[in-house]
Amino acid sequence: MGLEFHGYHGLHPEERAFGARYIVDVEMELQLSSEDALSATIDYSAVYALVRREVTETRYNLIEALAARLAEKLMVRYAKLVRLTVRVHKPHAPLPGVVRDIYAEVVRQRE
């Protein structure tokens, strides 16, 4: 999932005032059955809503903290998740020089 949002994260006052575009990748590994029903999997629209709320309604200094919080919330909410990778991209981060993209990646796995 490559989900895009406008959020207000960062350490610099300009980032918190003007915000920036964030892209969130969510890779989910599930235990699946052959059942052809939404109840047998994870509702992607619910995942989208959870990620949207966290990115747009909460402020973080670090994208690492945002990625970790998203992973925590998703693992708690969805027992079917076996392994989860969350990547939070911050395109054109305010760094000296030309920066196309930076990202923080968090991986969680059930024991």
PDB file of N, CA and C in Angstrom:
ATOM      1  N   MET A   1       0.857  -1.179   0.000  1.00  0.00           N
ATOM      2  CA  MET A   1       0.000   0.000   0.000  1.00  0.00           C
ATOM      3  C   MET A   1       0.894   1.230   0.000  1.00  0.00           C
ATOM      4  N   GLY A   2       0.727   2.084  -0.916  1.00  0.00           N
ATOM      5  CA  GLY A   2       1.430   3.361  -0.943  1.00  0.00           C
ATOM      6  C   GLY A   2       0.412   4.460  -0.655  1.00  0.00           C
ATOM      7  N   LEU A   3       0.248   4.785   0.597  1.00  0.00           N
ATOM      8  CA  LEU A   3      -0.779   5.734   1.023  1.00  0.00           C
ATOM      9  C   LEU A   3      -0.153   7.119   1.187  1.00  0.00           C
ATOM     10  N   GLU A   4      -0.750   8.148   0.595  1.00  0.00           N
ATOM     11  CA  GLU A   4      -0.188   9.496   0.649  1.00  0.00           C
ATOM     12  C   GLU A   4      -1.087  10.437   1.440  1.00  0.00           C
ATOM     13  N   PHE A   5      -0.412  11.251   2.281  1.00  0.00           N
ATOM     14  CA  PHE A   5      -1.133  12.190   3.138  1.00  0.00           C
ATOM     15  C   PHE A   5      -0.308  13.455   3.329  1.00  0.00           C
ATOM     16  N   HIS A   6      -0.953  14.509   3.750  1.00  0.00           N
ATOM     17  CA  HIS A   6      -0.278  15.726   4.172  1.00  0.00           C
ATOM     18  C   HIS A   6      -0.284  15.725   5.694  1.00  0.00           C
ATOM     19  N   GLY A   7       0.900  15.809   6.292  1.00  0.00           N
ATOM     20  CA  GLY A   7       1.008  15.784   7.745  1.00  0.00           C
ATOM     21  C   GLY A   7       1.947  16.863   8.241  1.00  0.00           C
ATOM     22  N   TYR A   8       1.997  17.030   9.546  1.00  0.00           N
ATOM     23  CA  TYR A   8       2.760  18.106  10.176  1.00  0.00           C
ATOM     24  C   TYR A   8       3.773  17.537  11.164  1.00  0.00           C
ATOM     25  N   HIS A   9       4.717  16.760  10.661  1.00  0.00           N
ATOM     26  CA  HIS A   9       5.714  16.108  11.501  1.00  0.00           C
ATOM     27  C   HIS A   9       7.078  16.730  11.246  1.00  0.00           C
ATOM     28  N   GLY A  10       7.946  16.648  12.232  1.00  0.00           N
ATOM     29  CA  GLY A  10       9.308  17.119  12.059  1.00  0.00           C
ATOM     30  C   GLY A  10       9.771  17.940  13.246  1.00  0.00           C
ATOM     31  N   LEU A  11      11.048  18.202  13.258  1.00  0.00           N
ATOM     32  CA  LEU A  11      11.667  18.965  14.340  1.00  0.00           C
ATOM     33  C   LEU A  11      11.689  20.463  14.056  1.00  0.00           C
ATOM     34  N   HIS A  12      11.678  20.827  12.785  1.00  0.00           N
ATOM     35  CA  HIS A  12      11.808  22.234  12.405  1.00  0.00           C
ATOM     36  C   HIS A  12      10.455  22.948  12.436  1.00  0.00           C
ATOM     37  N   PRO A  13      10.444  24.203  12.883  1.00  0.00           N
ATOM     38  CA  PRO A  13       9.181  24.962  12.948  1.00  0.00           C
ATOM     39  C   PRO A  13       8.452  25.027  11.602  1.00  0.00           C
ATOM     40  N   GLU A  14       9.219  25.121  10.503  1.00  0.00           N
ATOM     41  CA  GLU A  14       8.590  25.206   9.175  1.00  0.00           C
ATOM     42  C   GLU A  14       7.811  23.928   8.851  1.00  0.00           C
ATOM     43  N   GLU A  15       8.357  22.792   9.256  1.00  0.00           N
ATOM     44  CA  GLU A  15       7.684  21.514   8.998  1.00  0.00           C
ATOM     45  C   GLU A  15       6.367  21.443   9.756  1.00  0.00           C
ATOM     46  N   ARG A  16       6.379  21.937  10.973  1.00  0.00           N
ATOM     47  CA  ARG A  16       5.173  21.901  11.791  1.00  0.00           C
ATOM     48  C   ARG A  16       4.156  22.952  11.340  1.00  0.00           C
ATOM     49  N   ALA A  17       4.625  24.031  10.740  1.00  0.00           N
ATOM     50  CA  ALA A  17       3.721  25.091  10.286  1.00  0.00           C
ATOM     51  C   ALA A  17       3.097  24.768   8.933  1.00  0.00           C
ATOM     52  N   PHE A  18       3.924  24.331   7.987  1.00  0.00           N
ATOM     53  CA  PHE A  18       3.445  24.128   6.619  1.00  0.00           C
ATOM     54  C   PHE A  18       3.124  22.675   6.302  1.00  0.00           C
ATOM     55  N   GLY A  19       3.732  21.763   7.026  1.00  0.00           N
ATOM     56  CA  GLY A  19       3.512  20.354   6.765  1.00  0.00           C
ATOM     57  C   GLY A  19       4.235  19.885   5.522  1.00  0.00           C
ATOM     58  N   ALA A  20       4.037  18.629   5.214  1.00  0.00           N
ATOM     59  CA  ALA A  20       4.692  18.018   4.060  1.00  0.00           C
ATOM     60  C   ALA A  20       3.911  16.780   3.641  1.00  0.00           C
ATOM     61  N   ARG A  21       4.300  16.251   2.499  1.00  0.00           N
ATOM     62  CA  ARG A  21       3.683  15.021   1.999  1.00  0.00           C
ATOM     63  C   ARG A  21       4.417  13.832   2.609  1.00  0.00           C
ATOM     64  N   TYR A  22       3.645  12.851   3.047  1.00  0.00           N
ATOM     65  CA  TYR A  22       4.182  11.611   3.600  1.00  0.00           C
ATOM     66  C   TYR A  22       3.565  10.448   2.848  1.00  0.00           C
ATOM     67  N   ILE A  23       4.376   9.452   2.579  1.00  0.00           N
ATOM     68  CA  ILE A  23       3.897   8.239   1.920  1.00  0.00           C
ATOM     69  C   ILE A  23       4.133   7.086   2.882  1.00  0.00           C
ATOM     70  N   VAL A  24       3.100   6.297   3.115  1.00  0.00           N
ATOM     71  CA  VAL A  24       3.194   5.173   4.038  1.00  0.00           C
ATOM     72  C   VAL A  24       2.969   3.881   3.267  1.00  0.00           C
ATOM     73  N   ASP A  25       3.972   3.000   3.341  1.00  0.00           N
ATOM     74  CA  ASP A  25       3.852   1.655   2.770  1.00  0.00           C
ATOM     75  C   ASP A  25       3.552   0.701   3.908  1.00  0.00           C
ATOM     76  N   VAL A  26       2.540  -0.122   3.725  1.00  0.00           N
ATOM     77  CA  VAL A  26       2.183  -1.137   4.715  1.00  0.00           C
ATOM     78  C   VAL A  26       2.208  -2.483   4.012  1.00  0.00           C
ATOM     79  N   GLU A  27       3.113  -3.351   4.435  1.00  0.00           N
ATOM     80  CA  GLU A  27       3.194  -4.710   3.891  1.00  0.00           C
ATOM     81  C   GLU A  27       2.749  -5.670   4.982  1.00  0.00           C
ATOM     82  N   MET A  28       1.722  -6.453   4.687  1.00  0.00           N
ATOM     83  CA  MET A  28       1.131  -7.342   5.686  1.00  0.00           C
ATOM     84  C   MET A  28       1.238  -8.786   5.232  1.00  0.00           C
ATOM     85  N   GLU A  29       1.754  -9.632   6.094  1.00  0.00           N
ATOM     86  CA  GLU A  29       1.740 -11.075   5.869  1.00  0.00           C
ATOM     87  C   GLU A  29       0.698 -11.651   6.819  1.00  0.00           C
ATOM     88  N   LEU A  30      -0.222 -12.438   6.266  1.00  0.00           N
ATOM     89  CA  LEU A  30      -1.349 -12.955   7.033  1.00  0.00           C
ATOM     90  C   LEU A  30      -1.404 -14.469   6.968  1.00  0.00           C
ATOM     91  N   GLN A  31      -2.070 -15.045   7.958  1.00  0.00           N
ATOM     92  CA  GLN A  31      -2.457 -16.444   7.863  1.00  0.00           C
ATOM     93  C   GLN A  31      -3.821 -16.450   7.198  1.00  0.00           C
ATOM     94  N   LEU A  32      -3.879 -16.996   5.996  1.00  0.00           N
ATOM     95  CA  LEU A  32      -5.119 -16.961   5.236  1.00  0.00           C
ATOM     96  C   LEU A  32      -5.681 -18.357   5.040  1.00  0.00           C
ATOM     97  N   SER A  33      -6.978 -18.383   4.909  1.00  0.00           N
ATOM     98  CA  SER A  33      -7.660 -19.626   4.555  1.00  0.00           C
ATOM     99  C   SER A  33      -8.160 -19.475   3.127  1.00  0.00           C
ATOM    100  N   SER A  34      -8.820 -20.470   2.627  1.00  0.00           N
ATOM    101  CA  SER A  34      -9.379 -20.378   1.276  1.00  0.00           C
ATOM    102  C   SER A  34     -10.768 -19.735   1.280  1.00  0.00           C
ATOM    103  N   GLU A  35     -11.219 -19.312   2.442  1.00  0.00           N
ATOM    104  CA  GLU A  35     -12.526 -18.668   2.557  1.00  0.00           C
ATOM    105  C   GLU A  35     -12.531 -17.367   1.758  1.00  0.00           C
ATOM    106  N   ASP A  36     -13.577 -17.161   0.980  1.00  0.00           N
ATOM    107  CA  ASP A  36     -13.692 -15.983   0.119  1.00  0.00           C
ATOM    108  C   ASP A  36     -14.619 -14.956   0.769  1.00  0.00           C
ATOM    109  N   ALA A  37     -14.174 -14.412   1.906  1.00  0.00           N
ATOM    110  CA  ALA A  37     -14.979 -13.438   2.636  1.00  0.00           C
ATOM    111  C   ALA A  37     -14.058 -12.415   3.294  1.00  0.00           C
ATOM    112  N   LEU A  38     -14.544 -11.200   3.412  1.00  0.00           N
ATOM    113  CA  LEU A  38     -13.752 -10.138   4.031  1.00  0.00           C
ATOM    114  C   LEU A  38     -13.342 -10.494   5.457  1.00  0.00           C
ATOM    115  N   SER A  39     -14.176 -11.218   6.157  1.00  0.00           N
ATOM    116  CA  SER A  39     -13.869 -11.616   7.538  1.00  0.00           C
ATOM    117  C   SER A  39     -12.656 -12.546   7.630  1.00  0.00           C
ATOM    118  N   ALA A  40     -12.244 -13.122   6.505  1.00  0.00           N
ATOM    119  CA  ALA A  40     -11.103 -14.035   6.494  1.00  0.00           C
ATOM    120  C   ALA A  40      -9.774 -13.313   6.293  1.00  0.00           C
ATOM    121  N   THR A  41      -9.848 -12.007   6.091  1.00  0.00           N
ATOM    122  CA  THR A  41      -8.636 -11.236   5.821  1.00  0.00           C
ATOM    123  C   THR A  41      -8.678  -9.929   6.597  1.00  0.00           C
ATOM    124  N   ILE A  42      -7.999  -8.930   6.098  1.00  0.00           N
ATOM    125  CA  ILE A  42      -7.980  -7.605   6.728  1.00  0.00           C
ATOM    126  C   ILE A  42      -8.618  -6.618   5.768  1.00  0.00           C
ATOM    127  N   ASP A  43      -9.492  -5.787   6.280  1.00  0.00           N
ATOM    128  CA  ASP A  43     -10.191  -4.779   5.487  1.00  0.00           C
ATOM    129  C   ASP A  43      -9.220  -3.628   5.207  1.00  0.00           C
ATOM    130  N   TYR A  44      -8.793  -3.502   3.956  1.00  0.00           N
ATOM    131  CA  TYR A  44      -7.813  -2.481   3.597  1.00  0.00           C
ATOM    132  C   TYR A  44      -8.335  -1.065   3.830  1.00  0.00           C
ATOM    133  N   SER A  45      -9.634  -0.871   3.686  1.00  0.00           N
ATOM    134  CA  SER A  45     -10.177   0.473   3.938  1.00  0.00           C
ATOM    135  C   SER A  45     -10.046   0.841   5.416  1.00  0.00           C
ATOM    136  N   ALA A  46     -10.139  -0.129   6.307  1.00  0.00           N
ATOM    137  CA  ALA A  46      -9.945   0.127   7.740  1.00  0.00           C
ATOM    138  C   ALA A  46      -8.478   0.426   8.039  1.00  0.00           C
ATOM    139  N   VAL A  47      -7.571  -0.270   7.364  1.00  0.00           N
ATOM    140  CA  VAL A  47      -6.132   0.013   7.513  1.00  0.00           C
ATOM    141  C   VAL A  47      -5.854   1.435   7.033  1.00  0.00           C
ATOM    142  N   TYR A  48      -6.409   1.787   5.888  1.00  0.00           N
ATOM    143  CA  TYR A  48      -6.245   3.147   5.350  1.00  0.00           C
ATOM    144  C   TYR A  48      -6.727   4.183   6.360  1.00  0.00           C
ATOM    145  N   ALA A  49      -7.890   3.975   6.928  1.00  0.00           N
ATOM    146  CA  ALA A  49      -8.455   4.938   7.878  1.00  0.00           C
ATOM    147  C   ALA A  49      -7.571   5.083   9.114  1.00  0.00           C
ATOM    148  N   LEU A  50      -7.048   3.972   9.625  1.00  0.00           N
ATOM    149  CA  LEU A  50      -6.171   4.019  10.794  1.00  0.00           C
ATOM    150  C   LEU A  50      -4.900   4.806  10.472  1.00  0.00           C
ATOM    151  N   VAL A  51      -4.285   4.516   9.323  1.00  0.00           N
ATOM    152  CA  VAL A  51      -3.054   5.208   8.934  1.00  0.00           C
ATOM    153  C   VAL A  51      -3.334   6.687   8.700  1.00  0.00           C
ATOM    154  N   ARG A  52      -4.412   7.005   8.005  1.00  0.00           N
ATOM    155  CA  ARG A  52      -4.772   8.407   7.747  1.00  0.00           C
ATOM    156  C   ARG A  52      -4.920   9.193   9.037  1.00  0.00           C
ATOM    157  N   ARG A  53      -5.638   8.623   9.996  1.00  0.00           N
ATOM    158  CA  ARG A  53      -5.826   9.319  11.277  1.00  0.00           C
ATOM    159  C   ARG A  53      -4.493   9.600  11.953  1.00  0.00           C
ATOM    160  N   GLU A  54      -3.638   8.602  11.994  1.00  0.00           N
ATOM    161  CA  GLU A  54      -2.361   8.752  12.709  1.00  0.00           C
ATOM    162  C   GLU A  54      -1.454   9.770  12.013  1.00  0.00           C
ATOM    163  N   VAL A  55      -1.420   9.751  10.691  1.00  0.00           N
ATOM    164  CA  VAL A  55      -0.538  10.660   9.954  1.00  0.00           C
ATOM    165  C   VAL A  55      -1.070  12.085   9.961  1.00  0.00           C
ATOM    166  N   THR A  56      -2.381  12.255   9.876  1.00  0.00           N
ATOM    167  CA  THR A  56      -2.935  13.603   9.728  1.00  0.00           C
ATOM    168  C   THR A  56      -3.406  14.239  11.029  1.00  0.00           C
ATOM    169  N   GLU A  57      -3.672  13.451  12.064  1.00  0.00           N
ATOM    170  CA  GLU A  57      -4.236  14.016  13.293  1.00  0.00           C
ATOM    171  C   GLU A  57      -3.276  14.029  14.476  1.00  0.00           C
ATOM    172  N   THR A  58      -2.138  13.364  14.360  1.00  0.00           N
ATOM    173  CA  THR A  58      -1.149  13.317  15.443  1.00  0.00           C
ATOM    174  C   THR A  58       0.152  13.870  14.899  1.00  0.00           C
ATOM    175  N   ARG A  59       0.919  14.539  15.763  1.00  0.00           N
ATOM    176  CA  ARG A  59       2.207  15.096  15.336  1.00  0.00           C
ATOM    177  C   ARG A  59       3.355  14.345  15.995  1.00  0.00           C
ATOM    178  N   TYR A  60       4.363  14.076  15.188  1.00  0.00           N
ATOM    179  CA  TYR A  60       5.567  13.402  15.670  1.00  0.00           C
ATOM    180  C   TYR A  60       6.783  14.230  15.271  1.00  0.00           C
ATOM    181  N   ASN A  61       7.800  14.205  16.108  1.00  0.00           N
ATOM    182  CA  ASN A  61       9.072  14.832  15.744  1.00  0.00           C
ATOM    183  C   ASN A  61       9.803  13.992  14.711  1.00  0.00           C
ATOM    184  N   LEU A  62       9.695  12.668  14.838  1.00  0.00           N
ATOM    185  CA  LEU A  62      10.466  11.750  14.005  1.00  0.00           C
ATOM    186  C   LEU A  62       9.560  10.820  13.213  1.00  0.00           C
ATOM    187  N   ILE A  63       9.920  10.576  11.954  1.00  0.00           N
ATOM    188  CA  ILE A  63       9.139   9.616  11.174  1.00  0.00           C
ATOM    189  C   ILE A  63       9.364   8.204  11.705  1.00  0.00           C
ATOM    190  N   GLU A  64      10.460   7.967  12.397  1.00  0.00           N
ATOM    191  CA  GLU A  64      10.690   6.671  13.028  1.00  0.00           C
ATOM    192  C   GLU A  64       9.635   6.390  14.092  1.00  0.00           C
ATOM    193  N   ALA A  65       9.301   7.418  14.870  1.00  0.00           N
ATOM    194  CA  ALA A  65       8.270   7.267  15.905  1.00  0.00           C
ATOM    195  C   ALA A  65       6.902   7.036  15.271  1.00  0.00           C
ATOM    196  N   LEU A  66       6.608   7.736  14.191  1.00  0.00           N
ATOM    197  CA  LEU A  66       5.345   7.539  13.477  1.00  0.00           C
ATOM    198  C   LEU A  66       5.258   6.116  12.934  1.00  0.00           C
ATOM    199  N   ALA A  67       6.311   5.626  12.320  1.00  0.00           N
ATOM    200  CA  ALA A  67       6.314   4.259  11.777  1.00  0.00           C
ATOM    201  C   ALA A  67       6.121   3.228  12.882  1.00  0.00           C
ATOM    202  N   ALA A  68       6.800   3.417  14.009  1.00  0.00           N
ATOM    203  CA  ALA A  68       6.673   2.479  15.137  1.00  0.00           C
ATOM    204  C   ALA A  68       5.263   2.489  15.707  1.00  0.00           C
ATOM    205  N   ARG A  69       4.667   3.660  15.823  1.00  0.00           N
ATOM    206  CA  ARG A  69       3.299   3.755  16.366  1.00  0.00           C
ATOM    207  C   ARG A  69       2.294   3.103  15.429  1.00  0.00           C
ATOM    208  N   LEU A  70       2.447   3.323  14.131  1.00  0.00           N
ATOM    209  CA  LEU A  70       1.557   2.673  13.165  1.00  0.00           C
ATOM    210  C   LEU A  70       1.672   1.158  13.255  1.00  0.00           C
ATOM    211  N   ALA A  71       2.894   0.650  13.320  1.00  0.00           N
ATOM    212  CA  ALA A  71       3.098  -0.799  13.420  1.00  0.00           C
ATOM    213  C   ALA A  71       2.466  -1.345  14.694  1.00  0.00           C
ATOM    214  N   GLU A  72       2.641  -0.637  15.793  1.00  0.00           N
ATOM    215  CA  GLU A  72       2.056  -1.067  17.071  1.00  0.00           C
ATOM    216  C   GLU A  72       0.531  -1.136  16.985  1.00  0.00           C
ATOM    217  N   LYS A  73      -0.070  -0.090  16.469  1.00  0.00           N
ATOM    218  CA  LYS A  73      -1.536  -0.058  16.376  1.00  0.00           C
ATOM    219  C   LYS A  73      -2.070  -1.149  15.448  1.00  0.00           C
ATOM    220  N   LEU A  74      -1.419  -1.367  14.326  1.00  0.00           N
ATOM    221  CA  LEU A  74      -1.877  -2.388  13.386  1.00  0.00           C
ATOM    222  C   LEU A  74      -1.732  -3.789  13.963  1.00  0.00           C
ATOM    223  N   MET A  75      -0.624  -4.067  14.628  1.00  0.00           N
ATOM    224  CA  MET A  75      -0.424  -5.397  15.224  1.00  0.00           C
ATOM    225  C   MET A  75      -1.452  -5.671  16.317  1.00  0.00           C
ATOM    226  N   VAL A  76      -1.786  -4.651  17.097  1.00  0.00           N
ATOM    227  CA  VAL A  76      -2.783  -4.809  18.167  1.00  0.00           C
ATOM    228  C   VAL A  76      -4.172  -5.037  17.567  1.00  0.00           C
ATOM    229  N   ARG A  77      -4.506  -4.284  16.548  1.00  0.00           N
ATOM    230  CA  ARG A  77      -5.861  -4.353  15.988  1.00  0.00           C
ATOM    231  C   ARG A  77      -6.109  -5.619  15.169  1.00  0.00           C
ATOM    232  N   TYR A  78      -5.091  -6.144  14.494  1.00  0.00           N
ATOM    233  CA  TYR A  78      -5.314  -7.245  13.561  1.00  0.00           C
ATOM    234  C   TYR A  78      -4.545  -8.499  13.983  1.00  0.00           C
ATOM    235  N   ALA A  79      -5.237  -9.406  14.635  1.00  0.00           N
ATOM    236  CA  ALA A  79      -4.629 -10.654  15.115  1.00  0.00           C
ATOM    237  C   ALA A  79      -4.173 -11.546  13.965  1.00  0.00           C
ATOM    238  N   LYS A  80      -4.716 -11.363  12.778  1.00  0.00           N
ATOM    239  CA  LYS A  80      -4.347 -12.177  11.620  1.00  0.00           C
ATOM    240  C   LYS A  80      -2.952 -11.836  11.094  1.00  0.00           C
ATOM    241  N   LEU A  81      -2.407 -10.693  11.502  1.00  0.00           N
ATOM    242  CA  LEU A  81      -1.081 -10.303  11.037  1.00  0.00           C
ATOM    243  C   LEU A  81      -0.016 -11.214  11.625  1.00  0.00           C
ATOM    244  N   VAL A  82       0.792 -11.797  10.772  1.00  0.00           N
ATOM    245  CA  VAL A  82       1.910 -12.632  11.194  1.00  0.00           C
ATOM    246  C   VAL A  82       3.180 -11.777  11.201  1.00  0.00           C
ATOM    247  N   ARG A  83       3.328 -10.993  10.159  1.00  0.00           N
ATOM    248  CA  ARG A  83       4.491 -10.117  10.012  1.00  0.00           C
ATOM    249  C   ARG A  83       4.028  -8.831   9.341  1.00  0.00           C
ATOM    250  N   LEU A  84       4.630  -7.729   9.750  1.00  0.00           N
ATOM    251  CA  LEU A  84       4.205  -6.417   9.267  1.00  0.00           C
ATOM    252  C   LEU A  84       5.425  -5.549   9.034  1.00  0.00           C
ATOM    253  N   THR A  85       5.442  -4.862   7.903  1.00  0.00           N
ATOM    254  CA  THR A  85       6.467  -3.856   7.636  1.00  0.00           C
ATOM    255  C   THR A  85       5.755  -2.539   7.353  1.00  0.00           C
ATOM    256  N   VAL A  86       6.170  -1.499   8.063  1.00  0.00           N
ATOM    257  CA  VAL A  86       5.633  -0.160   7.850  1.00  0.00           C
ATOM    258  C   VAL A  86       6.802   0.734   7.467  1.00  0.00           C
ATOM    259  N   ARG A  87       6.662   1.420   6.331  1.00  0.00           N
ATOM    260  CA  ARG A  87       7.659   2.375   5.869  1.00  0.00           C
ATOM    261  C   ARG A  87       7.015   3.739   5.764  1.00  0.00           C
ATOM    262  N   VAL A  88       7.582   4.729   6.425  1.00  0.00           N
ATOM    263  CA  VAL A  88       7.094   6.105   6.307  1.00  0.00           C
ATOM    264  C   VAL A  88       8.128   6.890   5.510  1.00  0.00           C
ATOM    265  N   HIS A  89       7.731   7.338   4.332  1.00  0.00           N
ATOM    266  CA  HIS A  89       8.590   8.121   3.449  1.00  0.00           C
ATOM    267  C   HIS A  89       8.318   9.604   3.649  1.00  0.00           C
ATOM    268  N   LYS A  90       9.381  10.376   3.574  1.00  0.00           N
ATOM    269  CA  LYS A  90       9.262  11.833   3.618  1.00  0.00           C
ATOM    270  C   LYS A  90      10.002  12.372   2.391  1.00  0.00           C
ATOM    271  N   PRO A  91       9.292  12.462   1.263  1.00  0.00           N
ATOM    272  CA  PRO A  91       9.934  12.954   0.045  1.00  0.00           C
ATOM    273  C   PRO A  91      10.401  14.404   0.219  1.00  0.00           C
ATOM    274  N   HIS A  92      11.522  14.708  -0.358  1.00  0.00           N
ATOM    275  CA  HIS A  92      12.056  16.076  -0.354  1.00  0.00           C
ATOM    276  C   HIS A  92      12.222  16.619   1.069  1.00  0.00           C
ATOM    277  N   ALA A  93      12.758  15.798   1.944  1.00  0.00           N
ATOM    278  CA  ALA A  93      12.994  16.220   3.331  1.00  0.00           C
ATOM    279  C   ALA A  93      13.936  17.425   3.347  1.00  0.00           C
ATOM    280  N   PRO A  94      13.756  18.307   4.323  1.00  0.00           N
ATOM    281  CA  PRO A  94      14.574  19.531   4.375  1.00  0.00           C
ATOM    282  C   PRO A  94      15.998  19.252   4.852  1.00  0.00           C
ATOM    283  N   LEU A  95      16.800  18.713   3.964  1.00  0.00           N
ATOM    284  CA  LEU A  95      18.203  18.428   4.243  1.00  0.00           C
ATOM    285  C   LEU A  95      19.058  19.231   3.255  1.00  0.00           C
ATOM    286  N   PRO A  96      20.303  19.498   3.610  1.00  0.00           N
ATOM    287  CA  PRO A  96      21.161  20.225   2.655  1.00  0.00           C
ATOM    288  C   PRO A  96      21.395  19.363   1.418  1.00  0.00           C
ATOM    289  N   GLY A  97      21.212  19.928   0.274  1.00  0.00           N
ATOM    290  CA  GLY A  97      21.397  19.190  -0.961  1.00  0.00           C
ATOM    291  C   GLY A  97      20.077  18.686  -1.510  1.00  0.00           C
ATOM    292  N   VAL A  98      20.155  17.951  -2.592  1.00  0.00           N
ATOM    293  CA  VAL A  98      18.967  17.412  -3.246  1.00  0.00           C
ATOM    294  C   VAL A  98      18.661  16.057  -2.630  1.00  0.00           C
ATOM    295  N   VAL A  99      17.473  15.937  -2.078  1.00  0.00           N
ATOM    296  CA  VAL A  99      17.048  14.691  -1.436  1.00  0.00           C
ATOM    297  C   VAL A  99      15.722  14.277  -2.059  1.00  0.00           C
ATOM    298  N   ARG A 100      15.728  13.146  -2.722  1.00  0.00           N
ATOM    299  CA  ARG A 100      14.494  12.659  -3.344  1.00  0.00           C
ATOM    300  C   ARG A 100      13.564  12.055  -2.310  1.00  0.00           C
ATOM    301  N   ASP A 101      14.139  11.266  -1.372  1.00  0.00           N
ATOM    302  CA  ASP A 101      13.278  10.550  -0.429  1.00  0.00           C
ATOM    303  C   ASP A 101      14.113  10.037   0.743  1.00  0.00           C
ATOM    304  N   ILE A 102      13.575  10.149   1.925  1.00  0.00           N
ATOM    305  CA  ILE A 102      14.114   9.441   3.080  1.00  0.00           C
ATOM    306  C   ILE A 102      12.964   8.624   3.657  1.00  0.00           C
ATOM    307  N   TYR A 103      13.289   7.565   4.391  1.00  0.00           N
ATOM    308  CA  TYR A 103      12.216   6.792   5.000  1.00  0.00           C
ATOM    309  C   TYR A 103      12.716   6.095   6.252  1.00  0.00           C
ATOM    310  N   ALA A 104      11.752   5.765   7.101  1.00  0.00           N
ATOM    311  CA  ALA A 104      11.997   4.942   8.284  1.00  0.00           C
ATOM    312  C   ALA A 104      11.174   3.675   8.112  1.00  0.00           C
ATOM    313  N   GLU A 105      11.763   2.540   8.453  1.00  0.00           N
ATOM    314  CA  GLU A 105      11.098   1.255   8.276  1.00  0.00           C
ATOM    315  C   GLU A 105      11.063   0.520   9.609  1.00  0.00           C
ATOM    316  N   VAL A 106       9.908  -0.021   9.926  1.00  0.00           N
ATOM    317  CA  VAL A 106       9.716  -0.804  11.146  1.00  0.00           C
ATOM    318  C   VAL A 106       9.140  -2.155  10.750  1.00  0.00           C
ATOM    319  N   VAL A 107       9.701  -3.216  11.292  1.00  0.00           N
ATOM    320  CA  VAL A 107       9.217  -4.575  11.032  1.00  0.00           C
ATOM    321  C   VAL A 107       8.784  -5.189  12.361  1.00  0.00           C
ATOM    322  N   ARG A 108       7.604  -5.771  12.371  1.00  0.00           N
ATOM    323  CA  ARG A 108       7.096  -6.465  13.546  1.00  0.00           C
ATOM    324  C   ARG A 108       6.662  -7.871  13.126  1.00  0.00           C
ATOM    325  N   GLN A 109       6.874  -8.820  14.028  1.00  0.00           N
ATOM    326  CA  GLN A 109       6.507 -10.200  13.749  1.00  0.00           C
ATOM    327  C   GLN A 109       5.985 -10.841  15.033  1.00  0.00           C
ATOM    328  N   ARG A 110       4.944 -11.636  14.882  1.00  0.00           N
ATOM    329  CA  ARG A 110       4.406 -12.346  16.040  1.00  0.00           C
ATOM    330  C   ARG A 110       5.326 -13.514  16.386  1.00  0.00           C
ATOM    331  N   GLU A 111       5.433 -13.792  17.650  1.00  0.00           N
ATOM    332  CA  GLU A 111       6.249 -14.918  18.125  1.00  0.00           C
ATOM    333  C   GLU A 111       5.504 -16.210  17.937  1.00  0.00           C
TER     334      GLU A 111
END
